[in-house]
Amino acid sequence: MALHPDAEKYRQALAAGDHTGAAGILMAAHSGPYSSALIDQFHEVSRMTRDQLSAPADLEPVRARNIGVVNNVYVNGGGS
């Protein structure tokens, strides 16, 4: 299955053992508009075996569809 370009970058980072880079990709994806399809692909990648992570990428990545958009809003305060 072809992955969204961000999910593919995440897969490649995990395959290379770059967990810091992989975490940065996840943080960037979570700090913008929310795409549940993209997050599903991240979860799918995180369940891959070492062989699946190291396999060549599909030639034509597909864009994950935005099923719903949620903007994360952080409020300072609200408890001790």
Protein backbone atom coordinates (compact mmCIF):
# COMPACT_ATOMS: atom_id res chain seq x y z
CA MET A 1 0.00 0.00 0.00
CA ALA A 2 1.26 3.44 -0.86
CA LEU A 3 1.66 5.74 2.14
CA HIS A 4 1.08 9.45 2.59
CA PRO A 5 4.45 11.24 2.12
CA ASP A 6 4.67 12.05 5.85
CA ALA A 7 3.92 8.44 6.82
CA GLU A 8 6.58 7.31 4.33
CA LYS A 9 9.15 9.65 5.90
CA TYR A 10 8.18 8.21 9.30
CA ARG A 11 8.65 4.65 7.95
CA GLN A 12 12.06 5.51 6.54
CA ALA A 13 13.16 7.16 9.79
CA LEU A 14 12.14 4.08 11.79
CA ALA A 15 13.87 1.78 9.29
CA ALA A 16 17.07 3.81 9.70
CA GLY A 17 16.79 3.64 13.50
CA ASP A 18 16.31 7.43 13.70
CA HIS A 19 13.74 7.54 16.50
CA THR A 20 14.37 11.23 17.15
CA GLY A 21 13.62 12.06 13.52
CA ALA A 22 10.55 9.79 13.60
CA ALA A 23 9.28 11.56 16.72
CA GLY A 24 9.76 14.94 15.01
CA ILE A 25 7.66 13.77 12.06
CA LEU A 26 4.89 12.68 14.44
CA MET A 27 5.00 15.99 16.32
CA ALA A 28 4.82 17.99 13.08
CA ALA A 29 1.80 15.97 11.93
CA HIS A 30 0.02 16.50 15.25
CA SER A 31 0.69 20.25 15.38
CA GLY A 32 -1.19 21.09 12.16
CA PRO A 33 -4.66 20.26 10.91
CA TYR A 34 -5.70 16.82 12.13
CA SER A 35 -6.05 14.03 9.58
CA SER A 36 -7.36 10.80 11.05
CA ALA A 37 -6.37 8.91 7.90
CA LEU A 38 -2.76 10.07 8.24
CA ILE A 39 -2.67 9.17 11.94
CA ASP A 40 -4.05 5.72 11.02
CA GLN A 41 -1.14 5.33 8.60
CA PHE A 42 1.34 6.30 11.34
CA HIS A 43 -0.18 3.59 13.54
CA GLU A 44 0.06 1.11 10.68
CA VAL A 45 3.74 1.95 10.18
CA SER A 46 4.46 1.59 13.90
CA ARG A 47 3.11 -1.99 13.75
CA MET A 48 5.33 -2.97 10.80
CA THR A 49 8.02 -5.61 11.13
CA ARG A 50 11.68 -4.74 10.49
CA ASP A 51 11.39 -6.33 7.02
CA GLN A 52 8.34 -4.23 6.17
CA LEU A 53 10.06 -1.06 7.38
CA SER A 54 13.11 -1.81 5.24
CA ALA A 55 11.17 -2.71 2.09
CA PRO A 56 11.30 -0.29 -0.87
CA ALA A 57 8.60 2.36 -0.92
CA ASP A 58 5.69 2.16 -3.31
CA LEU A 59 6.25 4.43 -6.29
CA GLU A 60 3.10 6.50 -6.05
CA PRO A 61 2.24 7.69 -2.54
CA VAL A 62 -1.37 8.60 -1.94
CA ARG A 63 -2.62 11.54 0.05
CA ALA A 64 -4.49 10.67 3.20
CA ARG A 65 -7.94 12.18 3.11
CA ASN A 66 -8.99 14.56 5.83
CA ILE A 67 -12.11 13.03 7.30
CA GLY A 68 -12.43 15.83 9.82
CA VAL A 69 -10.27 18.76 10.80
CA VAL A 70 -9.60 19.53 14.42
CA ASN A 71 -7.37 22.37 15.51
CA ASN A 72 -5.58 21.72 18.77
CA VAL A 73 -6.11 24.57 21.21
CA TYR A 74 -4.02 24.77 24.34
CA VAL A 75 -5.16 26.97 27.19
CA ASN A 76 -2.73 28.10 29.87
CA GLY A 77 -3.96 27.47 33.39
CA GLY A 78 -7.09 25.62 34.39
CA GLY A 79 -5.89 23.74 37.43
CA SER A 80 -3.03 23.25 39.77
